[in-house]
Amino acid sequence: MKLRLAILTLGLMAGLSACDRGLLETVPNDRLSESVFWKNENDARLAVNSLYNDLDGTSIFTWDAVTDIAHTNQNFDVQAYVELGTYDATSSKLLTEWTNAYRGIRATNYFLENVDKVASTNTALIGQFKGEAKVLRAYQYIKLAGFFGDVPLVTKSISIEEGRKLTRNTVTEIWDFVDKELTEAATLLPATYATADKGRITKGAALALKARADLYAGRYQLAADAANQVIQSGTYGLNDSYEKLFSYAAENNREVILDKQFIKDTYSNAVFNLLAPYSQKNAQSYYVPTKALVDTYEMASGKLISDPASGYDALNPAAGRDPRLRFSVYLSGDVLPSGAKFLPAPNSGTADAIGSTYIASTTGFNIKKYINTEDYANPSNNGINIILLRYAEVLLTYAEAKTELNQIDATVLTALNLVRNGRSDVKQPAIASGATQTDLRTVIRRERAVELAFEGLRLFDIRRWKTAETVMTGPVYGMTYQPASGSPVTVQVVAFNRQFDKSRHYLWPIPQKERDLNPSLTQNPGW
């Protein structure tokens, strides 16, 4: 057999050598060659379009699921170890986040190095494409700084050998770079696009992301100024309905500043299958809300449920509450996409009953955002866009930054109260003037928790506020239900006890695999 293969190989080589040598210089038909690319504006458009693939989609839910407001539902999932505080530098979750971010950065660097090869007199259009790329690269660095602190700042394509010698830049340098990039990008980008280009990054997206980055960095004046630019632009506003905000009908509404866009059958996600209750065609309930979040929502009167005069009923937690609770979380008695009722109590006898299967929610709550009846027929083929930044966040960023600066004025209350009661279906009492800095700080932090729940921001918030050491310890609790006899019982997730070591858990360790490849990468304290 080996001899026959050798003879065949020699014959083929001889035959090829006798053929027209031009046949060996064909353009590959399974990929684009640089020799025929970067020729016209459409090449530049296609190239920048490809960079949007590296934006986060359903991965944003994983970040909230390692905080106090959500829980990784299966205790044996690799992410559960992050939640438990028992992870280390070998965690595949950490490596995935690192790898995904730098993949996006590498692609953007390549684009920015080559786009000027395009022959075009439309400098504004090429500038727009550069602005989009700069924002997408800054987006990745904001995540990396929040997850790991000091990280390598890579702004050009590098070889494998160069990659083995990278060192970590300080997080201050990362924030400086992000602020500069987004400031420059904002000058290159239009305020809006025609319908055909909806979803592209705008000037407002650059400024809103800059406001987020500066808030995370503790650069409050810069954050307030950037947020105010977005507010004063008049381009954005709140969607009238919070309940419909994450529905197909509301896609591309004026509140959305940046999202990851999907199309059923063509470029889909599986958010329904990922988050919906188990009874919904065996959906997975991968990440579920906690009692800590459910308890954070105020009563409709503005009172906290801890107030004896609030009228709160633990067996009917949605009664008289901030309506955003029922719009965000499936609670017992809610109608599901199938038309059945959600009945998660352990004694309900339904597929969603706690303990009926390891997939059913262990807290008795499920995430409702992004769960649409249109996706019930095919839970793993969803076209709903995933929102990454919206106007309500900008308003809360402005209010927080001004409050931290102790520049409390009417504009702070206007921004805060617009989030609390600026929609037809959310009418929480306004915060009155005269509130102290401490009072406003408490209100704003609570608003961020409930308004932006399951949108991927909580992990970064409790880290920068240094509250994770308080909220990320102890058991995970869920719903309260009435057993056949005796007093009401509050569910506790079995065999799950969170730990948070403030000496090291405020930053993730640099992935060990990266340090094995590059010994020049130092490690974070405590790891």
Protein backbone atom coordinates (compact mmCIF):
# COMPACT_ATOMS: atom_id res chain seq x y z
CA MET A 1 0.00 0.00 0.00
CA LYS A 2 2.79 2.43 0.89
CA LEU A 3 4.56 1.71 -2.41
CA ARG A 4 1.40 2.26 -4.45
CA LEU A 5 0.83 5.58 -2.65
CA ALA A 6 4.39 6.66 -3.31
CA ILE A 7 4.11 5.87 -7.01
CA LEU A 8 0.78 7.70 -7.21
CA THR A 9 2.28 10.73 -5.50
CA LEU A 10 5.23 10.81 -7.88
CA GLY A 11 2.89 10.50 -10.84
CA LEU A 12 0.78 13.40 -9.65
CA MET A 13 3.84 15.55 -9.09
CA ALA A 14 5.12 14.78 -12.59
CA GLY A 15 1.74 15.54 -14.09
CA LEU A 16 1.48 18.83 -12.25
CA SER A 17 4.93 19.89 -13.36
CA ALA A 18 3.94 19.32 -16.97
CA CYS A 19 0.82 21.48 -16.63
CA ASP A 20 0.59 25.18 -17.17
CA ARG A 21 2.31 26.69 -14.15
CA GLY A 22 -0.31 29.41 -14.13
CA LEU A 23 -2.74 26.88 -12.73
CA LEU A 24 -0.79 26.99 -9.48
CA GLU A 25 -1.43 30.73 -9.08
CA THR A 26 -5.21 30.67 -8.80
CA VAL A 27 -7.19 32.75 -6.32
CA PRO A 28 -8.56 30.55 -3.51
CA ASN A 29 -12.33 30.09 -3.71
CA ASP A 30 -12.88 29.37 0.00
CA ARG A 31 -11.53 32.63 1.42
CA LEU A 32 -10.64 36.19 0.47
CA SER A 33 -7.09 36.96 -0.61
CA GLU A 34 -5.41 40.22 0.33
CA SER A 35 -4.32 40.55 -3.29
CA VAL A 36 -7.92 41.09 -4.39
CA PHE A 37 -9.30 42.72 -1.25
CA TRP A 38 -9.06 46.26 0.16
CA LYS A 39 -9.85 47.62 -3.29
CA ASN A 40 -13.10 49.55 -2.84
CA GLU A 41 -15.54 50.98 -0.32
CA ASN A 42 -17.60 47.81 -0.24
CA ASP A 43 -14.54 45.83 0.85
CA ALA A 44 -14.10 48.25 3.74
CA ARG A 45 -17.78 47.94 4.62
CA LEU A 46 -17.66 44.14 4.61
CA ALA A 47 -14.51 44.17 6.72
CA VAL A 48 -15.91 46.47 9.40
CA ASN A 49 -19.18 44.52 9.41
CA SER A 50 -17.25 41.39 10.35
CA LEU A 51 -15.92 43.11 13.48
CA TYR A 52 -19.42 43.19 14.98
CA ASN A 53 -19.28 39.40 15.32
CA ASP A 54 -17.02 39.84 18.34
CA LEU A 55 -19.57 41.86 20.30
CA ASP A 56 -21.08 39.93 23.18
CA GLY A 57 -24.48 38.33 22.81
CA THR A 58 -25.96 35.94 25.35
CA SER A 59 -22.63 35.84 27.19
CA ILE A 60 -23.72 38.95 29.10
CA PHE A 61 -25.99 36.76 31.23
CA THR A 62 -22.99 34.80 32.47
CA TRP A 63 -21.54 37.90 34.08
CA ASP A 64 -24.64 38.63 36.15
CA ALA A 65 -24.77 34.95 37.13
CA VAL A 66 -21.59 35.34 39.20
CA THR A 67 -23.10 38.19 41.23
CA ASP A 68 -25.73 38.50 43.94
CA ILE A 69 -28.66 39.09 41.56
CA ALA A 70 -28.44 35.80 39.64
CA HIS A 71 -27.21 32.25 40.04
CA THR A 72 -25.58 29.67 37.77
CA ASN A 73 -28.32 27.09 38.05
CA GLN A 74 -26.25 23.91 37.79
CA ASN A 75 -23.73 23.61 40.59
CA PHE A 76 -21.34 21.53 38.50
CA ASP A 77 -21.06 24.15 35.75
CA VAL A 78 -17.54 25.63 35.47
CA GLN A 79 -19.02 29.07 36.05
CA ALA A 80 -20.50 28.00 39.38
CA TYR A 81 -16.97 27.72 40.74
CA VAL A 82 -16.48 31.42 40.01
CA GLU A 83 -19.67 32.16 41.91
CA LEU A 84 -18.50 29.97 44.78
CA GLY A 85 -15.10 31.61 44.91
CA THR A 86 -13.33 28.27 44.41
CA TYR A 87 -11.94 28.99 40.95
CA ASP A 88 -8.32 29.66 40.03
CA ALA A 89 -6.19 30.70 37.06
CA THR A 90 -6.93 27.45 35.22
CA SER A 91 -10.66 28.26 34.93
CA SER A 92 -11.89 27.88 31.36
CA LYS A 93 -14.43 30.66 31.99
CA LEU A 94 -11.66 33.19 32.55
CA LEU A 95 -9.66 31.97 29.57
CA THR A 96 -12.72 32.23 27.33
CA GLU A 97 -13.33 35.86 28.29
CA TRP A 98 -9.65 36.72 27.75
CA THR A 99 -9.45 34.92 24.41
CA ASN A 100 -12.70 36.33 23.05
CA ALA A 101 -11.73 39.90 23.90
CA TYR A 102 -8.29 39.68 22.33
CA ARG A 103 -9.69 37.97 19.26
CA GLY A 104 -11.90 41.01 18.74
CA ILE A 105 -8.98 43.35 19.38
CA ARG A 106 -6.75 41.51 16.89
CA ALA A 107 -9.43 41.70 14.19
CA THR A 108 -9.91 45.42 14.79
CA ASN A 109 -6.18 46.13 14.72
CA TYR A 110 -5.93 44.35 11.38
CA PHE A 111 -8.82 46.36 9.97
CA LEU A 112 -7.37 49.72 11.06
CA GLU A 113 -3.99 48.83 9.56
CA ASN A 114 -5.46 48.00 6.16
CA VAL A 115 -8.53 50.13 5.55
CA ASP A 116 -6.50 53.04 4.16
CA LYS A 117 -5.49 50.79 1.24
CA VAL A 118 -9.01 51.27 -0.10
CA ALA A 119 -9.16 53.67 -3.01
CA SER A 120 -11.92 56.10 -2.05
CA THR A 121 -12.52 59.82 -2.17
CA ASN A 122 -15.26 59.48 0.44
CA THR A 123 -13.09 60.26 3.42
CA ALA A 124 -16.12 60.68 5.67
CA LEU A 125 -17.26 57.12 5.01
CA ILE A 126 -13.81 55.63 5.60
CA GLY A 127 -13.57 57.76 8.74
CA GLN A 128 -16.92 56.38 9.87
CA PHE A 129 -15.67 52.82 9.43
CA LYS A 130 -12.57 53.67 11.46
CA GLY A 131 -14.75 55.17 14.17
CA GLU A 132 -16.85 52.01 14.33
CA ALA A 133 -13.72 49.89 14.66
CA LYS A 134 -12.27 52.09 17.40
CA VAL A 135 -15.46 51.80 19.44
CA LEU A 136 -15.53 48.03 19.03
CA ARG A 137 -11.91 47.78 20.20
CA ALA A 138 -12.57 50.06 23.17
CA TYR A 139 -15.56 47.90 24.11
CA GLN A 140 -13.25 44.90 24.49
CA TYR A 141 -10.73 46.81 26.60
CA ILE A 142 -13.45 48.04 28.97
CA LYS A 143 -14.33 44.40 29.69
CA LEU A 144 -10.71 43.33 30.09
CA ALA A 145 -9.98 46.16 32.53
CA GLY A 146 -13.08 45.30 34.56
CA PHE A 147 -12.29 41.58 34.65
CA PHE A 148 -8.50 41.55 35.04
CA GLY A 149 -7.24 45.07 35.81
CA ASP A 150 -3.80 45.45 34.21
CA VAL A 151 -3.73 43.83 30.75
CA PRO A 152 -1.55 44.10 27.63
CA LEU A 153 -2.50 47.08 25.47
CA VAL A 154 -2.16 45.82 21.90
CA THR A 155 -2.94 48.31 19.14
CA LYS A 156 -1.36 46.65 16.11
CA SER A 157 -1.07 43.20 14.60
CA ILE A 158 1.68 41.19 16.23
CA SER A 159 3.49 37.96 15.52
CA ILE A 160 3.38 34.87 17.71
CA GLU A 161 6.85 35.67 19.00
CA GLU A 162 5.86 39.23 19.83
CA GLY A 163 2.83 37.84 21.65
CA ARG A 164 5.11 35.74 23.83
CA LYS A 165 6.85 38.89 25.09
CA LEU A 166 3.88 41.12 25.89
CA THR A 167 3.71 42.70 29.32
CA ARG A 168 0.72 44.11 31.16
CA ASN A 169 -0.09 47.79 30.93
CA THR A 170 -1.53 49.42 34.02
CA VAL A 171 -5.28 49.69 34.22
CA THR A 172 -4.82 53.48 34.27
CA GLU A 173 -3.16 53.26 30.87
CA ILE A 174 -6.05 51.14 29.61
CA TRP A 175 -8.59 53.70 30.79
CA ASP A 176 -6.53 56.51 29.22
CA PHE A 177 -6.48 54.67 25.91
CA VAL A 178 -10.21 53.88 25.98
CA ASP A 179 -11.14 57.48 26.77
CA LYS A 180 -8.93 58.82 23.97
CA GLU A 181 -10.19 56.25 21.44
CA LEU A 182 -13.84 56.91 22.15
CA THR A 183 -13.37 60.67 22.10
CA GLU A 184 -11.74 60.41 18.67
CA ALA A 185 -14.31 57.93 17.41
CA ALA A 186 -17.19 60.23 18.35
CA THR A 187 -15.85 62.86 15.93
CA LEU A 188 -15.88 60.34 13.07
CA LEU A 189 -19.34 58.88 13.53
CA PRO A 190 -22.80 60.13 12.50
CA ALA A 191 -25.58 60.71 15.01
CA THR A 192 -27.98 58.41 13.16
CA TYR A 193 -28.17 56.11 10.14
CA ALA A 194 -30.73 55.33 7.48
CA THR A 195 -32.93 52.30 8.12
CA ALA A 196 -30.69 49.98 6.10
CA ASP A 197 -27.77 50.70 8.44
CA LYS A 198 -29.62 50.47 11.75
CA GLY A 199 -27.43 48.74 14.29
CA ARG A 200 -24.20 50.42 13.24
CA ILE A 201 -22.27 52.28 15.90
CA THR A 202 -23.18 55.94 16.21
CA LYS A 203 -21.62 59.03 17.73
CA GLY A 204 -23.97 58.52 20.68
CA ALA A 205 -22.73 54.95 21.17
CA ALA A 206 -19.13 56.18 21.35
CA LEU A 207 -20.03 58.84 23.92
CA ALA A 208 -22.26 56.52 25.96
CA LEU A 209 -19.54 53.88 26.08
CA LYS A 210 -17.06 56.57 27.08
CA ALA A 211 -19.40 57.56 29.92
CA ARG A 212 -19.52 53.92 31.06
CA ALA A 213 -15.74 53.54 30.91
CA ASP A 214 -15.06 56.76 32.79
CA LEU A 215 -17.61 55.82 35.45
CA TYR A 216 -15.90 52.43 35.92
CA ALA A 217 -12.54 54.22 36.14
CA GLY A 218 -13.83 56.61 38.79
CA ARG A 219 -13.34 59.60 36.48
CA TYR A 220 -16.64 61.09 37.41
CA GLN A 221 -16.41 64.48 35.72
CA LEU A 222 -15.50 62.88 32.41
CA ALA A 223 -18.33 60.37 32.84
CA ALA A 224 -20.86 63.09 33.64
CA ASP A 225 -19.74 65.21 30.69
CA ALA A 226 -19.94 62.33 28.20
CA ALA A 227 -23.33 61.21 29.49
CA ASN A 228 -24.61 64.76 29.31
CA GLN A 229 -23.52 65.01 25.67
CA VAL A 230 -25.70 62.00 24.90
CA ILE A 231 -28.60 63.45 26.88
CA GLN A 232 -28.34 66.88 25.28
CA SER A 233 -28.09 65.42 21.77
CA GLY A 234 -31.81 64.63 21.85
CA THR A 235 -31.18 61.55 19.75
CA TYR A 236 -32.23 59.02 22.38
CA GLY A 237 -35.07 58.57 24.84
CA LEU A 238 -36.74 55.90 26.94
CA ASN A 239 -38.95 53.36 25.23
CA ASP A 240 -42.47 54.03 26.45
CA SER A 241 -42.92 50.47 27.70
CA TYR A 242 -40.39 48.69 29.89
CA GLU A 243 -42.38 45.47 29.52
CA LYS A 244 -41.95 45.50 25.74
CA LEU A 245 -38.37 46.79 25.71
CA PHE A 246 -36.85 43.33 25.09
CA SER A 247 -39.42 42.21 22.52
CA TYR A 248 -39.23 41.88 18.74
CA ALA A 249 -41.71 44.73 18.36
CA ALA A 250 -39.36 47.12 20.15
CA GLU A 251 -36.16 46.29 18.26
CA ASN A 252 -34.18 49.38 17.21
CA ASN A 253 -36.31 51.62 19.43
CA ARG A 254 -34.90 55.02 20.43
CA GLU A 255 -33.61 53.74 23.80
CA VAL A 256 -31.17 51.28 22.23
CA ILE A 257 -27.70 52.78 21.81
CA LEU A 258 -25.69 49.61 21.13
CA ASP A 259 -26.85 46.05 20.57
CA LYS A 260 -25.77 42.76 19.02
CA GLN A 261 -28.11 42.13 16.12
CA PHE A 262 -29.38 38.68 15.18
CA ILE A 263 -31.54 37.16 12.42
CA LYS A 264 -33.42 33.89 12.72
CA ASP A 265 -32.11 31.10 10.49
CA THR A 266 -29.18 33.23 9.33
CA TYR A 267 -27.36 34.51 12.42
CA SER A 268 -29.38 33.41 15.41
CA ASN A 269 -29.02 33.04 19.16
CA ALA A 270 -30.63 30.62 21.61
CA VAL A 271 -31.63 32.98 24.41
CA PHE A 272 -35.05 31.36 24.85
CA ASN A 273 -33.55 27.91 25.33
CA LEU A 274 -30.84 29.36 27.58
CA LEU A 275 -33.06 31.22 30.05
CA ALA A 276 -36.70 30.11 29.86
CA PRO A 277 -38.31 27.79 32.44
CA TYR A 278 -37.78 24.08 31.89
CA SER A 279 -41.45 23.47 31.04
CA GLN A 280 -40.98 25.53 27.89
CA LYS A 281 -39.83 22.77 25.54
CA ASN A 282 -37.07 21.69 27.92
CA ALA A 283 -35.46 25.10 28.10
CA GLN A 284 -32.32 25.05 30.22
CA SER A 285 -32.69 27.75 32.91
CA TYR A 286 -28.92 28.13 32.88
CA TYR A 287 -28.95 31.38 34.85
CA VAL A 288 -31.74 32.25 37.28
CA PRO A 289 -32.65 35.26 39.45
CA THR A 290 -32.13 35.22 43.21
CA LYS A 291 -34.17 36.37 46.18
CA ALA A 292 -31.55 39.08 46.70
CA LEU A 293 -32.62 40.72 43.45
CA VAL A 294 -36.36 40.14 43.89
CA ASP A 295 -36.19 41.74 47.33
CA THR A 296 -34.41 44.81 45.93
CA TYR A 297 -37.42 46.10 43.99
CA GLU A 298 -39.40 48.72 45.88
CA MET A 299 -43.09 48.66 46.52
CA ALA A 300 -45.11 50.77 44.07
CA SER A 301 -45.38 53.28 46.90
CA GLY A 302 -41.60 53.65 46.96
CA LYS A 303 -41.27 51.87 50.31
CA LEU A 304 -38.78 49.05 50.73
CA ILE A 305 -40.22 45.62 51.51
CA SER A 306 -38.33 45.74 54.81
CA ASP A 307 -40.57 48.60 55.93
CA PRO A 308 -43.26 47.14 58.22
CA ALA A 309 -45.76 49.55 56.69
CA SER A 310 -45.01 48.48 53.11
CA GLY A 311 -47.72 45.82 52.87
CA TYR A 312 -45.32 43.31 51.32
CA ASP A 313 -46.55 39.72 51.01
CA ALA A 314 -43.74 37.16 50.58
CA LEU A 315 -46.21 34.62 49.13
CA ASN A 316 -47.31 37.12 46.49
CA PRO A 317 -44.13 39.11 45.86
CA ALA A 318 -45.37 41.00 42.79
CA ALA A 319 -48.40 42.48 44.53
CA GLY A 320 -48.03 46.22 44.92
CA ARG A 321 -44.42 46.19 43.69
CA ASP A 322 -42.37 48.16 41.21
CA PRO A 323 -43.72 46.73 37.91
CA ARG A 324 -40.20 46.18 36.59
CA LEU A 325 -40.04 43.13 38.84
CA ARG A 326 -42.78 41.30 36.96
CA PHE A 327 -41.43 42.53 33.62
CA SER A 328 -37.96 41.12 34.39
CA VAL A 329 -38.55 37.94 36.43
CA TYR A 330 -40.92 35.01 36.07
CA LEU A 331 -42.77 34.69 39.38
CA SER A 332 -45.20 32.00 40.48
CA GLY A 333 -48.50 32.36 38.64
CA ASP A 334 -47.12 34.18 35.61
CA VAL A 335 -48.35 33.05 32.21
CA LEU A 336 -45.65 31.34 30.15
CA PRO A 337 -45.18 31.48 26.34
CA SER A 338 -46.90 28.08 26.15
CA GLY A 339 -50.00 29.56 27.78
CA ALA A 340 -49.55 27.53 30.98
CA LYS A 341 -48.87 29.06 34.37
CA PHE A 342 -45.40 29.14 35.89
CA LEU A 343 -45.68 27.11 39.12
CA PRO A 344 -42.17 26.50 40.51
CA ALA A 345 -42.98 25.65 44.16
CA PRO A 346 -41.48 22.27 45.16
CA ASN A 347 -44.97 20.90 45.84
CA SER A 348 -46.55 22.13 42.58
CA GLY A 349 -46.15 18.85 40.68
CA THR A 350 -45.20 20.70 37.49
CA ALA A 351 -42.12 20.42 35.29
CA ASP A 352 -40.93 23.72 36.78
CA ALA A 353 -41.15 22.51 40.39
CA ILE A 354 -37.91 23.06 42.29
CA GLY A 355 -36.17 19.70 42.55
CA SER A 356 -38.22 18.01 39.83
CA THR A 357 -35.11 17.95 37.64
CA TYR A 358 -31.63 19.43 37.95
CA ILE A 359 -32.50 21.77 35.06
CA ALA A 360 -35.54 23.43 36.67
CA SER A 361 -34.75 26.69 38.42
CA THR A 362 -33.29 26.07 41.87
CA THR A 363 -34.57 29.44 43.13
CA GLY A 364 -38.10 29.26 41.72
CA PHE A 365 -37.44 32.34 39.60
CA ASN A 366 -36.59 32.59 35.90
CA ILE A 367 -35.38 35.46 33.77
CA LYS A 368 -38.18 37.00 31.71
CA LYS A 369 -36.24 39.54 29.66
CA TYR A 370 -35.81 38.35 26.06
CA ILE A 371 -38.28 35.46 26.47
CA ASN A 372 -40.75 36.00 23.62
CA THR A 373 -43.69 33.89 22.49
CA GLU A 374 -42.42 34.13 18.90
CA ASP A 375 -39.50 31.89 19.89
CA TYR A 376 -41.52 29.18 21.61
CA ALA A 377 -41.84 27.14 18.40
CA ASN A 378 -38.06 26.97 17.96
CA PRO A 379 -36.31 27.86 21.23
CA SER A 380 -32.78 27.58 19.83
CA ASN A 381 -33.33 29.69 16.72
CA ASN A 382 -34.00 33.20 17.97
CA GLY A 383 -33.52 36.47 16.15
CA ILE A 384 -34.00 38.89 19.04
CA ASN A 385 -31.28 41.53 19.34
CA ILE A 386 -29.31 41.60 22.60
CA ILE A 387 -29.04 45.12 24.03
CA LEU A 388 -25.56 46.06 25.26
CA LEU A 389 -26.11 49.73 26.10
CA ARG A 390 -29.28 51.78 26.36
CA TYR A 391 -30.36 55.28 27.29
CA ALA A 392 -31.52 54.40 30.80
CA GLU A 393 -27.94 53.43 31.65
CA VAL A 394 -26.71 56.80 30.40
CA LEU A 395 -29.19 58.59 32.67
CA LEU A 396 -28.08 56.54 35.66
CA THR A 397 -24.42 57.09 34.80
CA TYR A 398 -24.99 60.83 34.72
CA ALA A 399 -26.85 60.76 38.04
CA GLU A 400 -24.18 58.61 39.72
CA ALA A 401 -21.21 60.58 38.42
CA LYS A 402 -22.72 63.91 39.50
CA THR A 403 -23.65 62.47 42.88
CA GLU A 404 -20.13 61.13 43.47
CA LEU A 405 -18.80 64.60 42.61
CA ASN A 406 -21.36 66.01 45.07
CA GLN A 407 -22.68 68.20 42.26
CA ILE A 408 -26.26 67.43 43.18
CA ASP A 409 -28.69 69.65 41.30
CA ALA A 410 -32.00 69.48 39.47
CA THR A 411 -30.43 67.71 36.48
CA VAL A 412 -29.43 64.77 38.69
CA LEU A 413 -32.97 64.31 39.98
CA THR A 414 -34.42 64.77 36.50
CA ALA A 415 -32.22 61.97 35.11
CA LEU A 416 -32.89 59.66 38.04
CA ASN A 417 -36.63 60.26 38.10
CA LEU A 418 -36.95 59.80 34.35
CA VAL A 419 -35.75 56.21 34.85
CA ARG A 420 -38.10 55.75 37.80
CA ASN A 421 -41.28 57.13 36.25
CA GLY A 422 -40.67 58.18 32.65
CA ARG A 423 -42.51 55.27 31.02
CA SER A 424 -46.21 54.58 30.72
CA ASP A 425 -45.86 51.30 32.64
CA VAL A 426 -43.31 52.30 35.30
CA LYS A 427 -44.37 55.01 37.74
CA GLN A 428 -42.21 54.83 40.86
CA PRO A 429 -42.45 57.90 43.12
CA ALA A 430 -40.04 60.68 42.28
CA ILE A 431 -37.02 61.30 44.47
CA ALA A 432 -37.55 64.71 46.01
CA SER A 433 -34.98 67.49 46.23
CA GLY A 434 -33.04 67.69 49.45
CA ALA A 435 -31.74 64.12 49.38
CA THR A 436 -28.18 63.83 50.68
CA GLN A 437 -25.27 62.42 48.73
CA THR A 438 -25.46 59.23 50.81
CA ASP A 439 -29.20 58.91 50.22
CA LEU A 440 -28.84 59.39 46.47
CA ARG A 441 -25.96 56.97 46.26
CA THR A 442 -28.16 54.28 47.82
CA VAL A 443 -31.08 55.02 45.50
CA ILE A 444 -28.92 55.09 42.37
CA ARG A 445 -27.24 51.80 43.19
CA ARG A 446 -30.63 50.19 43.77
CA GLU A 447 -31.91 51.64 40.49
CA ARG A 448 -28.96 50.19 38.59
CA ALA A 449 -29.66 46.77 40.09
CA VAL A 450 -33.35 46.66 39.14
CA GLU A 451 -33.41 48.71 35.95
CA LEU A 452 -30.40 46.97 34.40
CA ALA A 453 -30.86 43.47 35.81
CA PHE A 454 -29.57 40.68 33.51
CA GLU A 455 -27.88 43.16 31.17
CA GLY A 456 -24.32 42.25 32.13
CA LEU A 457 -23.42 45.25 34.29
CA ARG A 458 -23.80 44.03 37.88
CA LEU A 459 -20.40 42.34 38.15
CA PHE A 460 -18.59 45.54 37.19
CA ASP A 461 -20.77 47.55 39.59
CA ILE A 462 -20.20 45.51 42.74
CA ARG A 463 -16.49 45.40 41.98
CA ARG A 464 -16.04 49.15 41.57
CA TRP A 465 -18.28 49.88 44.55
CA LYS A 466 -16.30 47.33 46.61
CA THR A 467 -19.59 45.79 47.81
CA ALA A 468 -18.94 42.29 46.46
CA GLU A 469 -17.32 41.25 49.71
CA THR A 470 -20.66 41.89 51.43
CA VAL A 471 -23.22 40.72 48.87
CA MET A 472 -21.34 37.69 47.51
CA THR A 473 -21.14 35.58 50.66
CA GLY A 474 -23.33 32.86 52.08
CA PRO A 475 -26.19 30.75 50.69
CA VAL A 476 -28.33 31.56 47.67
CA TYR A 477 -32.04 31.94 48.43
CA GLY A 478 -35.11 31.81 46.23
CA MET A 479 -38.89 32.01 46.39
CA THR A 480 -41.09 31.68 49.45
CA TYR A 481 -43.94 29.16 49.18
CA GLN A 482 -46.64 27.62 51.33
CA PRO A 483 -46.13 23.89 52.05
CA ALA A 484 -49.08 21.57 52.70
CA SER A 485 -48.83 22.37 56.40
CA GLY A 486 -46.90 24.71 58.61
CA SER A 487 -45.42 28.14 57.99
CA PRO A 488 -44.21 29.52 54.65
CA VAL A 489 -40.78 28.27 53.57
CA THR A 490 -38.07 30.23 51.76
CA VAL A 491 -36.10 28.10 49.32
CA GLN A 492 -32.35 27.75 49.83
CA VAL A 493 -30.23 26.37 46.98
CA VAL A 494 -28.87 23.04 48.14
CA ALA A 495 -25.16 22.66 48.89
CA PHE A 496 -24.19 26.09 47.62
CA ASN A 497 -22.35 28.60 49.79
CA ARG A 498 -20.73 31.59 48.14
CA GLN A 499 -17.37 32.88 49.29
CA PHE A 500 -15.61 36.11 48.40
CA ASP A 501 -12.03 36.85 49.41
CA LYS A 502 -11.61 40.63 49.23
CA SER A 503 -7.82 40.22 49.07
CA ARG A 504 -8.02 38.70 45.58
CA HIS A 505 -11.52 38.24 44.16
CA TYR A 506 -12.01 41.82 43.02
CA LEU A 507 -9.91 40.85 39.99
CA TRP A 508 -9.80 37.59 38.12
CA PRO A 509 -6.40 35.94 37.77
CA ILE A 510 -4.58 36.15 34.46
CA PRO A 511 -5.37 32.78 32.78
CA GLN A 512 -2.63 30.26 33.49
CA LYS A 513 -2.55 29.09 29.88
CA GLU A 514 -1.64 32.61 28.78
CA ARG A 515 1.14 32.79 31.37
CA ASP A 516 2.45 29.39 30.28
CA LEU A 517 2.75 30.77 26.75
CA ASN A 518 4.11 34.11 27.91
CA PRO A 519 6.06 34.13 31.22
CA SER A 520 6.31 37.93 30.95
CA LEU A 521 2.68 38.23 32.04
CA THR A 522 2.62 38.89 35.78
CA GLN A 523 -0.19 37.62 38.00
CA ASN A 524 -2.77 39.55 40.01
CA PRO A 525 -2.33 39.76 43.81
CA GLY A 526 -3.38 36.68 45.76
CA TRP A 527 -3.28 34.31 42.81
